[in-house]
Amino acid sequence: MKSRDPQSRSMLVLCPYPIGVAAGQRLKFEQYYDDWRSAGWTVTTSPFMSHSLWRHAYERGHLARKAIGVARGFGLRMRDLFRIRRYDLVYCFMYATPIGGSGMERLVRRLSKRLVFDVEDNVIGELADGLNDHPNRLLRLLKGKGKATYLIRTADHVISSSPMLNDRCRELNRKNAATYISSSVDTARFVPRGSYDDADKPVIGWTGTFSSRPYLDLLRPVFEALARTHKFKLRVIGNFDYEFAGMEVDVIRWSAEHEVSDLQGIDIGVYPLPNDDWVIGKSGLKAITYMAMGIPCVATDVGTTPMIIRDGENGLLARTPEEWVDALGRLLDDADLRRRLGQQARADAVAKYSTTAIAADYRRVLDSVMSKA
């Protein structure tokens, strides 16, 4: 019988979405699989959603397809329960199942030799009263209480998406083991287009999914006011249709193949957020993505954002609609300002938020869990 390599370690990743489609996975842990394998890990990923369910989950209708997809997802999780004990470590992102109570999470914890829980965005609303602040009504209705609370409390280590959320997680975790790891991007792939032209119609852009669409809608009155004094085009990169009467809107369906070139067509990035409890755990991923592309960004001055964007140095911050209109107007008027902020943003992204800069943070957590268990 062949003996097992003593340096080889096995990991099962439980996550909501298929590999390579959701930004919260793609631009967090997924992009470190090769680094983990180089460190001796074998990585097996088990998404709850199929590609079919992912494509239709946030669209109206398709109820039969959605029901089949959810049933399939629960079937896969039942299969996972029978094989969890084979793995040295289970890496769970957000939850074991996206709907229902915490029963599956409790079974996963009980059967896992070691468990790392990676929580992205904010579960503070859930910790308090069941996702009442979450912008997605469907999730508020379907997701049971206590899932994240239980995993935060019982995990061998928690990876969080913001310093403020990390403080909460450390207080809750029975081992006080929680680490903030920033979102990051591969700055060798996400590269600027190389010019900041004084275009006749600069492009203001936003990228995201259906679940974060309410954040984009916050800027509708801002865009309406701005359109009275400036010429610009709005680009929306996502997985949904978007209309804005009286405004030129370029709607692009996100694809991995064209992601970088689609972003390169943006002159100014926007990262709007509400000032509420849910946002405290936002990782600032959109801002970091714009920065890596050398795109000057205007972002809401709340949560983690002012830790990433230094107002007037590598981007602009705004709180009120009037400040948003002023900041976007300045960038639309001044190509040199776009160039200066964008170039500094790119330099900061490479130094602080690249996969090269962040990789060691993940390795330290994994090594720590293995050494203490």
Protein backbone atom coordinates (compact mmCIF):
# COMPACT_ATOMS: atom_id res chain seq x y z
CA MET A 1 0.00 0.00 0.00
CA LYS A 2 1.36 3.39 -1.01
CA SER A 3 2.08 5.62 1.99
CA ARG A 4 0.75 9.15 2.07
CA ASP A 5 3.12 12.04 1.49
CA PRO A 6 3.56 13.60 4.97
CA GLN A 7 3.70 17.06 3.36
CA SER A 8 0.43 16.61 1.49
CA ARG A 9 -2.67 18.13 3.07
CA SER A 10 -6.22 17.93 1.76
CA MET A 11 -8.86 20.66 1.75
CA LEU A 12 -12.57 20.64 0.88
CA VAL A 13 -13.95 24.05 -0.09
CA LEU A 14 -17.70 24.51 0.46
CA CYS A 15 -18.97 27.60 -1.35
CA PRO A 16 -22.24 28.98 -2.73
CA TYR A 17 -21.32 29.67 -6.35
CA PRO A 18 -19.68 27.83 -9.26
CA ILE A 19 -15.95 28.39 -9.68
CA GLY A 20 -14.96 31.48 -11.65
CA VAL A 21 -18.22 33.45 -11.76
CA ALA A 22 -18.87 35.31 -8.49
CA ALA A 23 -16.55 38.20 -7.61
CA GLY A 24 -16.74 37.40 -3.90
CA GLN A 25 -15.13 34.03 -4.63
CA ARG A 26 -13.05 34.81 -7.74
CA LEU A 27 -11.30 37.80 -6.21
CA LYS A 28 -10.89 36.27 -2.80
CA PHE A 29 -9.89 32.68 -2.11
CA GLU A 30 -10.30 31.09 -5.57
CA GLN A 31 -7.34 32.92 -7.02
CA TYR A 32 -5.05 31.38 -4.38
CA TYR A 33 -5.70 27.74 -5.22
CA ASP A 34 -2.45 27.43 -7.18
CA ASP A 35 -0.51 29.02 -4.32
CA TRP A 36 -2.07 26.59 -1.84
CA ARG A 37 -1.29 23.64 -4.09
CA SER A 38 2.31 24.81 -4.30
CA ALA A 39 2.34 24.73 -0.49
CA GLY A 40 1.28 21.07 -0.49
CA TRP A 41 -2.50 21.26 -0.43
CA THR A 42 -4.84 19.25 -2.61
CA VAL A 43 -7.96 21.37 -3.09
CA THR A 44 -11.45 20.04 -3.87
CA THR A 45 -14.24 22.57 -4.43
CA SER A 46 -17.94 21.80 -3.90
CA PRO A 47 -20.23 24.68 -5.00
CA PHE A 48 -23.89 24.60 -3.93
CA MET A 49 -25.10 26.25 -7.12
CA SER A 50 -24.73 24.75 -10.58
CA HIS A 51 -23.95 27.06 -13.49
CA SER A 52 -27.59 26.75 -14.55
CA LEU A 53 -28.89 27.87 -11.15
CA TRP A 54 -26.34 30.70 -11.03
CA ARG A 55 -27.53 32.03 -14.39
CA HIS A 56 -31.19 32.12 -13.32
CA ALA A 57 -31.08 32.57 -9.54
CA TYR A 58 -31.72 36.32 -9.62
CA GLU A 59 -34.03 36.42 -12.64
CA ARG A 60 -37.80 36.46 -12.46
CA GLY A 61 -39.52 33.15 -13.14
CA HIS A 62 -37.67 29.89 -13.88
CA LEU A 63 -39.23 28.46 -10.70
CA ALA A 64 -38.95 24.83 -11.78
CA ARG A 65 -35.31 25.29 -12.80
CA LYS A 66 -34.57 27.01 -9.49
CA ALA A 67 -36.30 24.28 -7.47
CA ILE A 68 -34.32 21.58 -9.28
CA GLY A 69 -31.11 23.53 -8.75
CA VAL A 70 -31.70 23.97 -5.03
CA ALA A 71 -32.60 20.29 -4.61
CA ARG A 72 -29.43 19.35 -6.46
CA GLY A 73 -27.41 21.65 -4.20
CA PHE A 74 -28.78 20.00 -1.06
CA GLY A 75 -28.03 16.61 -2.60
CA LEU A 76 -24.42 17.62 -3.14
CA ARG A 77 -24.14 18.80 0.45
CA MET A 78 -25.48 15.46 1.69
CA ARG A 79 -22.77 13.77 -0.38
CA ASP A 80 -20.20 16.11 1.17
CA LEU A 81 -21.23 15.04 4.66
CA PHE A 82 -20.19 11.47 3.86
CA ARG A 83 -16.72 12.51 2.70
CA ILE A 84 -15.81 15.39 5.01
CA ARG A 85 -13.84 13.17 7.39
CA ARG A 86 -11.39 12.36 4.59
CA TYR A 87 -10.13 15.95 4.49
CA ASP A 88 -7.62 17.58 6.80
CA LEU A 89 -9.45 20.90 6.60
CA VAL A 90 -12.82 22.24 5.45
CA TYR A 91 -12.84 25.79 4.09
CA CYS A 92 -16.40 27.15 4.19
CA PHE A 93 -17.27 30.40 2.45
CA MET A 94 -20.36 32.24 3.77
CA TYR A 95 -22.49 29.17 4.60
CA ALA A 96 -22.90 25.48 3.83
CA THR A 97 -26.30 26.07 2.18
CA PRO A 98 -27.73 29.45 1.10
CA ILE A 99 -31.21 28.84 2.51
CA GLY A 100 -32.70 27.19 5.54
CA GLY A 101 -31.60 27.07 9.15
CA SER A 102 -28.19 26.21 10.56
CA GLY A 103 -28.65 22.43 10.60
CA MET A 104 -26.28 21.76 7.70
CA GLU A 105 -23.68 24.12 9.16
CA ARG A 106 -23.83 22.22 12.46
CA LEU A 107 -23.32 18.91 10.72
CA VAL A 108 -20.39 20.28 8.71
CA ARG A 109 -18.77 21.61 11.87
CA ARG A 110 -19.29 18.36 13.77
CA LEU A 111 -17.77 16.25 10.99
CA SER A 112 -14.86 18.56 10.08
CA LYS A 113 -11.45 17.87 11.57
CA ARG A 114 -10.62 21.54 11.15
CA LEU A 115 -12.85 24.34 9.88
CA VAL A 116 -11.94 27.74 8.44
CA PHE A 117 -14.93 30.04 7.91
CA ASP A 118 -14.51 32.84 5.35
CA VAL A 119 -17.14 35.54 5.68
CA GLU A 120 -17.40 38.18 2.94
CA ASP A 121 -19.35 41.40 3.05
CA ASN A 122 -21.36 41.82 6.23
CA VAL A 123 -23.20 39.36 8.42
CA ILE A 124 -23.63 41.91 11.18
CA GLY A 125 -27.30 42.28 10.23
CA GLU A 126 -27.67 38.52 10.52
CA LEU A 127 -25.90 38.48 13.85
CA ALA A 128 -28.39 41.01 15.13
CA ASP A 129 -31.72 40.02 13.67
CA GLY A 130 -31.55 37.89 10.56
CA LEU A 131 -30.28 39.90 7.59
CA ASN A 132 -32.82 42.67 8.00
CA ASP A 133 -30.42 45.17 6.40
CA HIS A 134 -29.49 43.04 3.40
CA PRO A 135 -30.47 44.77 0.10
CA ASN A 136 -31.64 41.51 -1.49
CA ARG A 137 -35.23 40.80 -0.42
CA LEU A 138 -35.05 37.18 -1.57
CA LEU A 139 -32.15 36.47 0.74
CA ARG A 140 -33.90 38.20 3.62
CA LEU A 141 -36.85 35.85 3.15
CA LEU A 142 -35.05 32.58 2.53
CA LYS A 143 -31.88 32.59 4.57
CA GLY A 144 -32.35 31.28 8.10
CA LYS A 145 -31.02 32.96 11.18
CA GLY A 146 -27.95 31.81 13.01
CA LYS A 147 -25.96 30.26 10.14
CA ALA A 148 -23.07 32.73 10.18
CA THR A 149 -23.29 33.22 13.94
CA TYR A 150 -22.79 29.52 14.54
CA LEU A 151 -19.89 29.21 12.09
CA ILE A 152 -18.15 32.30 13.44
CA ARG A 153 -18.45 30.99 16.96
CA THR A 154 -17.29 27.44 16.32
CA ALA A 155 -14.76 27.70 13.47
CA ASP A 156 -11.12 27.00 14.19
CA HIS A 157 -10.37 30.28 12.44
CA VAL A 158 -12.46 33.02 10.82
CA ILE A 159 -11.35 35.06 7.81
CA SER A 160 -13.25 38.34 7.57
CA SER A 161 -13.68 41.00 4.92
CA SER A 162 -13.17 44.18 6.95
CA PRO A 163 -11.38 45.30 10.14
CA MET A 164 -14.66 46.25 11.82
CA LEU A 165 -16.27 42.91 11.06
CA ASN A 166 -13.11 41.17 12.18
CA ASP A 167 -13.40 42.72 15.64
CA ARG A 168 -16.92 41.28 15.96
CA CYS A 169 -15.80 37.88 14.73
CA ARG A 170 -12.90 37.72 17.18
CA GLU A 171 -15.25 38.52 20.06
CA LEU A 172 -17.67 35.78 19.01
CA ASN A 173 -15.19 33.06 18.12
CA ARG A 174 -14.58 30.63 20.97
CA LYS A 175 -10.83 30.68 20.24
CA ASN A 176 -10.67 34.43 19.53
CA ALA A 177 -9.21 33.40 16.19
CA ALA A 178 -10.10 35.82 13.40
CA THR A 179 -8.02 37.47 10.69
CA TYR A 180 -8.91 40.30 8.34
CA ILE A 181 -7.69 39.57 4.81
CA SER A 182 -8.36 42.19 2.18
CA SER A 183 -9.92 41.43 -1.16
CA SER A 184 -7.26 41.36 -3.84
CA VAL A 185 -6.75 41.20 -7.59
CA ASP A 186 -4.18 39.77 -9.94
CA THR A 187 -2.53 43.01 -11.03
CA ALA A 188 -0.66 41.16 -13.78
CA ARG A 189 -4.05 40.49 -15.39
CA PHE A 190 -6.05 43.55 -14.33
CA VAL A 191 -4.02 46.23 -16.10
CA PRO A 192 -4.83 49.81 -17.16
CA ARG A 193 -5.48 50.63 -20.79
CA GLY A 194 -2.59 53.10 -20.66
CA SER A 195 -4.29 56.38 -21.55
CA TYR A 196 -6.47 59.03 -19.93
CA ASP A 197 -7.82 60.82 -22.97
CA ASP A 198 -9.84 64.00 -22.76
CA ALA A 199 -12.81 62.23 -24.33
CA ASP A 200 -15.88 64.11 -25.54
CA LYS A 201 -18.09 61.65 -23.62
CA PRO A 202 -16.16 60.04 -20.75
CA VAL A 203 -17.55 56.75 -19.46
CA ILE A 204 -18.67 56.44 -15.83
CA GLY A 205 -18.74 52.75 -14.96
CA TRP A 206 -19.98 50.35 -12.33
CA THR A 207 -19.58 46.58 -12.06
CA GLY A 208 -21.55 44.20 -9.87
CA THR A 209 -24.36 41.66 -9.68
CA PHE A 210 -28.12 41.77 -9.21
CA SER A 211 -27.75 41.56 -5.43
CA SER A 212 -25.80 44.84 -5.34
CA ARG A 213 -27.96 46.66 -7.88
CA PRO A 214 -29.73 48.67 -5.11
CA TYR A 215 -26.37 50.35 -4.43
CA LEU A 216 -26.10 51.52 -8.05
CA ASP A 217 -29.66 52.84 -7.86
CA LEU A 218 -28.53 55.19 -5.09
CA LEU A 219 -26.80 57.25 -7.78
CA ARG A 220 -29.82 57.78 -10.04
CA PRO A 221 -30.51 61.33 -8.75
CA VAL A 222 -26.78 62.06 -8.93
CA PHE A 223 -26.58 61.01 -12.57
CA GLU A 224 -29.72 63.01 -13.37
CA ALA A 225 -28.22 66.15 -11.83
CA LEU A 226 -24.84 65.56 -13.47
CA ALA A 227 -26.41 65.08 -16.92
CA ARG A 228 -27.73 68.65 -16.82
CA THR A 229 -24.19 70.05 -16.91
CA HIS A 230 -21.95 67.32 -18.35
CA LYS A 231 -21.78 64.85 -21.20
CA PHE A 232 -21.01 61.29 -20.21
CA LYS A 233 -22.02 57.71 -20.83
CA LEU A 234 -22.90 55.16 -18.15
CA ARG A 235 -21.49 51.62 -18.40
CA VAL A 236 -23.00 48.86 -16.24
CA ILE A 237 -21.18 45.51 -16.17
CA GLY A 238 -23.24 42.84 -14.45
CA ASN A 239 -25.68 39.96 -14.77
CA PHE A 240 -28.88 41.95 -15.21
CA ASP A 241 -30.51 44.46 -17.54
CA TYR A 242 -30.46 48.13 -16.59
CA GLU A 243 -32.35 51.10 -18.01
CA PHE A 244 -32.14 54.80 -17.32
CA ALA A 245 -34.58 56.96 -19.27
CA GLY A 246 -32.92 59.87 -21.05
CA MET A 247 -29.39 58.64 -20.50
CA GLU A 248 -27.00 56.69 -22.71
CA VAL A 249 -26.39 53.40 -20.90
CA ASP A 250 -24.02 50.71 -22.10
CA VAL A 251 -25.10 47.44 -20.44
CA ILE A 252 -22.56 44.62 -20.66
CA ARG A 253 -23.09 41.09 -19.44
CA TRP A 254 -20.10 40.10 -17.34
CA SER A 255 -17.84 37.41 -18.77
CA ALA A 256 -14.45 36.19 -17.64
CA GLU A 257 -13.19 36.40 -21.21
CA HIS A 258 -13.96 40.11 -21.66
CA GLU A 259 -13.82 41.29 -18.05
CA VAL A 260 -10.55 43.21 -18.33
CA SER A 261 -11.27 44.81 -21.72
CA ASP A 262 -14.76 45.83 -20.54
CA LEU A 263 -13.25 47.53 -17.48
CA GLN A 264 -10.62 49.23 -19.65
CA GLY A 265 -13.44 51.09 -21.37
CA ILE A 266 -14.30 52.93 -18.14
CA ASP A 267 -12.88 56.41 -17.46
CA ILE A 268 -14.33 56.87 -13.95
CA GLY A 269 -15.45 54.14 -11.55
CA VAL A 270 -18.20 54.55 -8.97
CA TYR A 271 -18.60 52.66 -5.71
CA PRO A 272 -21.80 53.85 -4.02
CA LEU A 273 -22.85 52.44 -0.64
CA PRO A 274 -25.56 53.28 1.90
CA ASN A 275 -24.51 54.36 5.36
CA ASP A 276 -26.01 51.47 7.34
CA ASP A 277 -24.96 48.56 9.50
CA TRP A 278 -24.82 46.12 6.60
CA VAL A 279 -22.04 48.06 4.87
CA ILE A 280 -19.61 47.90 7.79
CA GLY A 281 -18.37 44.54 6.57
CA LYS A 282 -18.00 45.44 2.87
CA SER A 283 -14.50 44.62 1.68
CA GLY A 284 -14.09 47.43 -0.82
CA LEU A 285 -13.62 44.99 -3.68
CA LYS A 286 -15.08 47.27 -6.37
CA ALA A 287 -12.77 50.11 -5.34
CA ILE A 288 -9.76 47.77 -5.37
CA THR A 289 -10.71 46.48 -8.82
CA TYR A 290 -10.95 50.00 -10.23
CA MET A 291 -7.63 50.88 -8.60
CA ALA A 292 -5.87 47.89 -10.17
CA MET A 293 -7.18 49.04 -13.56
CA GLY A 294 -5.85 52.54 -12.95
CA ILE A 295 -9.41 53.89 -13.01
CA PRO A 296 -10.01 56.93 -10.76
CA CYS A 297 -12.84 56.04 -8.40
CA VAL A 298 -15.46 58.01 -6.52
CA ALA A 299 -16.71 56.07 -3.50
CA THR A 300 -18.98 56.60 -0.54
CA ASP A 301 -17.03 57.67 2.53
CA VAL A 302 -18.18 54.83 4.79
CA GLY A 303 -16.95 51.54 6.25
CA THR A 304 -13.71 50.15 4.85
CA THR A 305 -13.64 52.51 1.86
CA PRO A 306 -11.72 55.42 3.47
CA MET A 307 -9.08 52.91 4.55
CA ILE A 308 -8.53 52.05 0.88
CA ILE A 309 -9.16 55.38 -0.85
CA ARG A 310 -7.31 58.47 0.30
CA ASP A 311 -9.43 61.40 -0.79
CA GLY A 312 -7.65 63.50 -3.40
CA GLU A 313 -4.66 61.16 -3.60
CA ASN A 314 -5.79 57.89 -5.18
CA GLY A 315 -9.49 58.60 -5.57
CA LEU A 316 -12.32 60.78 -4.30
CA LEU A 317 -14.75 60.23 -1.42
CA ALA A 318 -18.29 61.56 -1.13
CA ARG A 319 -21.14 61.38 1.37
CA THR A 320 -23.98 63.57 0.14
CA PRO A 321 -25.54 63.68 -3.35
CA GLU A 322 -24.06 67.15 -3.76
CA GLU A 323 -20.57 65.83 -2.98
CA TRP A 324 -21.08 63.01 -5.49
CA VAL A 325 -22.09 65.45 -8.23
CA ASP A 326 -19.11 67.69 -7.44
CA ALA A 327 -16.58 64.82 -7.39
CA LEU A 328 -17.82 63.26 -10.63
CA GLY A 329 -17.99 66.68 -12.29
CA ARG A 330 -14.37 67.40 -11.39
CA LEU A 331 -13.23 64.13 -12.92
CA LEU A 332 -15.33 64.59 -16.05
CA ASP A 333 -13.83 68.06 -16.55
CA ASP A 334 -10.19 67.19 -15.88
CA ALA A 335 -8.37 64.39 -17.70
CA ASP A 336 -5.15 65.29 -15.86
CA LEU A 337 -6.89 64.71 -12.52
CA ARG A 338 -8.15 61.36 -13.78
CA ARG A 339 -4.59 60.47 -14.78
CA ARG A 340 -3.02 61.51 -11.47
CA LEU A 341 -5.54 59.70 -9.29
CA GLY A 342 -5.63 56.65 -11.53
CA GLN A 343 -1.87 56.21 -11.63
CA GLN A 344 -1.57 56.50 -7.85
CA ALA A 345 -4.47 54.08 -7.42
CA ARG A 346 -2.73 51.54 -9.63
CA ALA A 347 0.51 51.87 -7.64
CA ASP A 348 -1.35 51.36 -4.35
CA ALA A 349 -3.23 48.34 -5.71
CA VAL A 350 0.02 46.64 -6.76
CA ALA A 351 1.68 47.35 -3.41
CA LYS A 352 -1.21 46.57 -1.05
CA TYR A 353 -4.01 44.65 -2.78
CA SER A 354 -2.35 42.40 -5.35
CA THR A 355 -2.39 38.62 -5.06
CA THR A 356 1.37 38.78 -4.56
CA ALA A 357 0.92 41.08 -1.56
CA ILE A 358 -1.95 39.10 0.03
CA ALA A 359 -1.00 35.44 -0.61
CA ALA A 360 1.07 35.07 2.55
CA ASP A 361 -1.90 36.13 4.71
CA TYR A 362 -3.90 33.10 3.62
CA ARG A 363 -0.95 30.74 4.05
CA ARG A 364 -0.41 31.96 7.62
CA VAL A 365 -4.02 31.24 8.54
CA LEU A 366 -3.95 27.74 7.03
CA ASP A 367 -0.62 26.91 8.66
CA SER A 368 -1.86 28.23 12.00
CA VAL A 369 -4.98 26.05 11.92
CA MET A 370 -2.99 22.96 11.01
CA SER A 371 -0.39 23.54 13.70
CA LYS A 372 -2.92 24.06 16.51
CA ALA A 373 -5.39 21.33 15.71
